[in-house]
Amino acid sequence: MDASTAEELNTLEAAAATASRARKIAHDKLVRAFRAQLEGVGPGPSEAQLRSFARLAMAERALQKELRCAGERIGAAECMPAAPDVVQ
């Protein structure tokens, strides 16, 4: 694998990891907001929080797919984990 291909994979891996962390943070905020609502101490998540989570989940999935495709193009598919069917 040449240096530019390795750099592309490294960049995609970093972007996918960042997207996953951002989505997990948004998920945790939603859980806390729903918990507060159930406990009667908060209004629950806002529409903006729900939309943000959805956008982050879609971005994460797209980056994971792009990473897999890039790995397949260079023959490193065994290194590329499949994206989960359900974002948690």
N, C-alpha and C. Protein backbone atom coordinates (compact mmCIF):
# COMPACT_ATOMS: atom_id res chain seq x y z
N MET A 1 0.87 -1.17 0.00
CA MET A 1 0.00 0.00 0.00
C MET A 1 0.91 1.22 0.00
N ASP A 2 0.59 2.18 -0.87
CA ASP A 2 1.42 3.38 -0.93
C ASP A 2 1.06 4.36 0.19
N ALA A 3 1.89 5.37 0.34
CA ALA A 3 1.72 6.31 1.45
C ALA A 3 0.40 7.07 1.38
N SER A 4 -0.02 7.46 0.18
CA SER A 4 -1.27 8.23 0.07
C SER A 4 -2.47 7.36 0.43
N THR A 5 -2.44 6.09 0.08
CA THR A 5 -3.53 5.18 0.43
C THR A 5 -3.57 4.96 1.93
N ALA A 6 -2.41 4.76 2.53
CA ALA A 6 -2.34 4.59 3.98
C ALA A 6 -2.84 5.84 4.68
N GLU A 7 -2.48 6.99 4.15
CA GLU A 7 -2.94 8.26 4.75
C GLU A 7 -4.45 8.39 4.63
N GLU A 8 -5.00 7.99 3.48
CA GLU A 8 -6.45 8.04 3.30
C GLU A 8 -7.15 7.14 4.32
N LEU A 9 -6.64 5.92 4.48
CA LEU A 9 -7.25 5.01 5.46
C LEU A 9 -7.13 5.56 6.88
N ASN A 10 -5.98 6.10 7.21
CA ASN A 10 -5.79 6.67 8.55
C ASN A 10 -6.75 7.83 8.79
N THR A 11 -6.93 8.66 7.78
CA THR A 11 -7.84 9.80 7.90
C THR A 11 -9.28 9.32 8.07
N LEU A 12 -9.68 8.34 7.26
CA LEU A 12 -11.03 7.79 7.38
C LEU A 12 -11.25 7.12 8.74
N GLU A 13 -10.24 6.40 9.22
CA GLU A 13 -10.36 5.76 10.53
C GLU A 13 -10.53 6.81 11.62
N ALA A 14 -9.75 7.87 11.55
CA ALA A 14 -9.84 8.94 12.55
C ALA A 14 -11.20 9.63 12.48
N ALA A 15 -11.69 9.90 11.27
CA ALA A 15 -12.99 10.55 11.11
C ALA A 15 -14.11 9.65 11.63
N ALA A 16 -14.04 8.36 11.33
CA ALA A 16 -15.06 7.42 11.80
C ALA A 16 -15.04 7.32 13.32
N ALA A 17 -13.86 7.29 13.90
CA ALA A 17 -13.75 7.23 15.36
C ALA A 17 -14.31 8.50 16.00
N THR A 18 -14.01 9.64 15.41
CA THR A 18 -14.54 10.91 15.93
C THR A 18 -16.05 10.94 15.83
N ALA A 19 -16.59 10.47 14.70
CA ALA A 19 -18.04 10.44 14.51
C ALA A 19 -18.69 9.52 15.55
N SER A 20 -18.06 8.39 15.83
CA SER A 20 -18.60 7.47 16.82
C SER A 20 -18.62 8.11 18.21
N ARG A 21 -17.54 8.78 18.56
CA ARG A 21 -17.50 9.44 19.87
C ARG A 21 -18.56 10.53 19.96
N ALA A 22 -18.72 11.32 18.90
CA ALA A 22 -19.72 12.39 18.91
C ALA A 22 -21.13 11.82 19.03
N ARG A 23 -21.40 10.74 18.32
CA ARG A 23 -22.72 10.11 18.38
C ARG A 23 -22.98 9.54 19.77
N LYS A 24 -21.96 8.95 20.39
CA LYS A 24 -22.12 8.40 21.74
C LYS A 24 -22.39 9.49 22.76
N ILE A 25 -21.72 10.62 22.61
CA ILE A 25 -21.96 11.76 23.50
C ILE A 25 -23.41 12.25 23.36
N ALA A 26 -23.86 12.39 22.11
CA ALA A 26 -25.24 12.82 21.87
C ALA A 26 -26.23 11.80 22.44
N HIS A 27 -25.92 10.52 22.29
CA HIS A 27 -26.78 9.46 22.83
C HIS A 27 -26.88 9.58 24.35
N ASP A 28 -25.75 9.78 25.00
CA ASP A 28 -25.76 9.92 26.46
C ASP A 28 -26.60 11.11 26.90
N LYS A 29 -26.51 12.21 26.15
CA LYS A 29 -27.32 13.40 26.48
C LYS A 29 -28.80 13.10 26.34
N LEU A 30 -29.17 12.34 25.29
CA LEU A 30 -30.57 11.98 25.10
C LEU A 30 -31.06 11.09 26.25
N VAL A 31 -30.24 10.13 26.63
CA VAL A 31 -30.62 9.24 27.73
C VAL A 31 -30.83 10.04 29.01
N ARG A 32 -29.91 10.96 29.29
CA ARG A 32 -30.07 11.77 30.50
C ARG A 32 -31.34 12.63 30.43
N ALA A 33 -31.62 13.19 29.25
CA ALA A 33 -32.81 14.03 29.11
C ALA A 33 -34.09 13.20 29.27
N PHE A 34 -34.12 12.02 28.66
CA PHE A 34 -35.29 11.15 28.82
C PHE A 34 -35.44 10.71 30.28
N ARG A 35 -34.33 10.39 30.93
CA ARG A 35 -34.38 9.98 32.33
C ARG A 35 -34.93 11.11 33.20
N ALA A 36 -34.46 12.32 32.94
CA ALA A 36 -34.95 13.47 33.71
C ALA A 36 -36.45 13.65 33.49
N GLN A 37 -36.90 13.45 32.26
CA GLN A 37 -38.33 13.57 31.97
C GLN A 37 -39.13 12.51 32.72
N LEU A 38 -38.63 11.28 32.71
CA LEU A 38 -39.33 10.20 33.41
C LEU A 38 -39.38 10.43 34.91
N GLU A 39 -38.34 11.06 35.44
CA GLU A 39 -38.28 11.35 36.87
C GLU A 39 -39.02 12.63 37.23
N GLY A 40 -39.55 13.31 36.22
CA GLY A 40 -40.32 14.53 36.46
C GLY A 40 -39.48 15.75 36.78
N VAL A 41 -38.21 15.74 36.42
CA VAL A 41 -37.34 16.88 36.73
C VAL A 41 -36.81 17.56 35.48
N GLY A 42 -37.38 17.26 34.34
CA GLY A 42 -36.93 17.91 33.11
C GLY A 42 -37.92 17.69 31.99
N PRO A 43 -37.78 18.48 30.92
CA PRO A 43 -38.73 18.40 29.82
C PRO A 43 -38.44 17.28 28.82
N GLY A 44 -37.33 16.60 28.96
CA GLY A 44 -36.94 15.60 27.96
C GLY A 44 -36.09 16.25 26.89
N PRO A 45 -35.66 15.47 25.92
CA PRO A 45 -34.77 16.02 24.89
C PRO A 45 -35.53 16.97 23.96
N SER A 46 -34.79 17.92 23.46
CA SER A 46 -35.40 18.87 22.52
C SER A 46 -35.39 18.27 21.11
N GLU A 47 -36.18 18.86 20.26
CA GLU A 47 -36.21 18.44 18.86
C GLU A 47 -34.82 18.60 18.24
N ALA A 48 -34.12 19.66 18.61
CA ALA A 48 -32.77 19.88 18.08
C ALA A 48 -31.81 18.77 18.52
N GLN A 49 -31.93 18.33 19.76
CA GLN A 49 -31.08 17.23 20.24
C GLN A 49 -31.37 15.94 19.48
N LEU A 50 -32.63 15.66 19.24
CA LEU A 50 -33.01 14.45 18.50
C LEU A 50 -32.50 14.51 17.06
N ARG A 51 -32.66 15.66 16.43
CA ARG A 51 -32.18 15.81 15.05
C ARG A 51 -30.67 15.72 14.97
N SER A 52 -30.00 16.31 15.94
CA SER A 52 -28.54 16.28 15.97
C SER A 52 -28.05 14.84 16.11
N PHE A 53 -28.68 14.08 17.00
CA PHE A 53 -28.30 12.69 17.17
C PHE A 53 -28.49 11.92 15.85
N ALA A 54 -29.61 12.15 15.20
CA ALA A 54 -29.88 11.44 13.93
C ALA A 54 -28.82 11.80 12.88
N ARG A 55 -28.47 13.08 12.78
CA ARG A 55 -27.44 13.48 11.81
C ARG A 55 -26.09 12.85 12.14
N LEU A 56 -25.74 12.83 13.41
CA LEU A 56 -24.48 12.23 13.82
C LEU A 56 -24.45 10.73 13.52
N ALA A 57 -25.57 10.06 13.77
CA ALA A 57 -25.64 8.62 13.49
C ALA A 57 -25.49 8.36 11.99
N MET A 58 -26.12 9.18 11.17
CA MET A 58 -26.01 9.00 9.71
C MET A 58 -24.58 9.28 9.24
N ALA A 59 -23.94 10.30 9.79
CA ALA A 59 -22.56 10.62 9.42
C ALA A 59 -21.62 9.48 9.83
N GLU A 60 -21.84 8.96 11.04
CA GLU A 60 -21.02 7.85 11.52
C GLU A 60 -21.15 6.65 10.57
N ARG A 61 -22.34 6.31 10.22
CA ARG A 61 -22.59 5.16 9.34
C ARG A 61 -21.96 5.38 7.97
N ALA A 62 -22.09 6.58 7.43
CA ALA A 62 -21.51 6.87 6.12
C ALA A 62 -19.99 6.77 6.15
N LEU A 63 -19.38 7.26 7.21
CA LEU A 63 -17.92 7.17 7.33
C LEU A 63 -17.46 5.72 7.50
N GLN A 64 -18.21 4.94 8.26
CA GLN A 64 -17.86 3.53 8.41
C GLN A 64 -17.96 2.80 7.06
N LYS A 65 -18.99 3.13 6.30
CA LYS A 65 -19.15 2.51 4.98
C LYS A 65 -18.00 2.92 4.06
N GLU A 66 -17.66 4.18 4.05
CA GLU A 66 -16.57 4.66 3.22
C GLU A 66 -15.24 4.00 3.62
N LEU A 67 -15.04 3.81 4.90
CA LEU A 67 -13.83 3.15 5.39
C LEU A 67 -13.78 1.71 4.90
N ARG A 68 -14.91 1.00 4.99
CA ARG A 68 -14.95 -0.38 4.49
C ARG A 68 -14.67 -0.42 2.99
N CYS A 69 -15.29 0.47 2.25
CA CYS A 69 -15.10 0.50 0.79
C CYS A 69 -13.65 0.81 0.43
N ALA A 70 -13.04 1.73 1.14
CA ALA A 70 -11.64 2.07 0.88
C ALA A 70 -10.77 0.86 1.18
N GLY A 71 -11.05 0.16 2.25
CA GLY A 71 -10.30 -1.05 2.59
C GLY A 71 -10.45 -2.13 1.54
N GLU A 72 -11.67 -2.27 1.03
CA GLU A 72 -11.91 -3.28 -0.02
C GLU A 72 -11.17 -2.92 -1.30
N ARG A 73 -11.11 -1.63 -1.61
CA ARG A 73 -10.41 -1.20 -2.84
C ARG A 73 -8.94 -1.55 -2.80
N ILE A 74 -8.36 -1.54 -1.62
CA ILE A 74 -6.92 -1.82 -1.54
C ILE A 74 -6.65 -3.25 -1.07
N GLY A 75 -7.72 -4.03 -0.91
CA GLY A 75 -7.53 -5.42 -0.52
C GLY A 75 -7.31 -5.63 0.96
N ALA A 76 -7.71 -4.68 1.76
CA ALA A 76 -7.55 -4.81 3.20
C ALA A 76 -8.90 -4.97 3.89
N ALA A 77 -9.82 -5.62 3.19
CA ALA A 77 -11.18 -5.74 3.74
C ALA A 77 -11.20 -6.46 5.07
N GLU A 78 -10.25 -7.38 5.29
CA GLU A 78 -10.25 -8.09 6.57
C GLU A 78 -9.96 -7.16 7.74
N CYS A 79 -9.43 -5.99 7.45
CA CYS A 79 -9.11 -5.03 8.51
C CYS A 79 -10.29 -4.10 8.82
N MET A 80 -11.27 -4.10 7.97
CA MET A 80 -12.36 -3.14 8.08
C MET A 80 -13.58 -3.81 8.70
N PRO A 81 -13.90 -3.49 9.95
CA PRO A 81 -15.09 -4.09 10.57
C PRO A 81 -16.36 -3.57 9.92
N ALA A 82 -17.33 -4.41 9.83
CA ALA A 82 -18.63 -4.01 9.29
C ALA A 82 -19.31 -3.08 10.27
N ALA A 83 -20.06 -2.12 9.74
CA ALA A 83 -20.81 -1.21 10.60
C ALA A 83 -21.95 -1.99 11.25
N PRO A 84 -22.27 -1.70 12.49
CA PRO A 84 -23.39 -2.39 13.12
C PRO A 84 -24.69 -2.02 12.42
N ASP A 85 -25.63 -2.96 12.39
CA ASP A 85 -26.92 -2.70 11.77
C ASP A 85 -27.73 -1.70 12.56
N VAL A 86 -27.51 -1.66 13.86
CA VAL A 86 -28.26 -0.77 14.73
C VAL A 86 -27.27 0.15 15.45
N VAL A 87 -27.49 1.42 15.34
CA VAL A 87 -26.67 2.38 16.07
C VAL A 87 -27.21 2.46 17.48
N GLN A 88 -26.33 2.29 18.44
CA GLN A 88 -26.78 2.29 19.84
C GLN A 88 -26.35 3.55 20.52
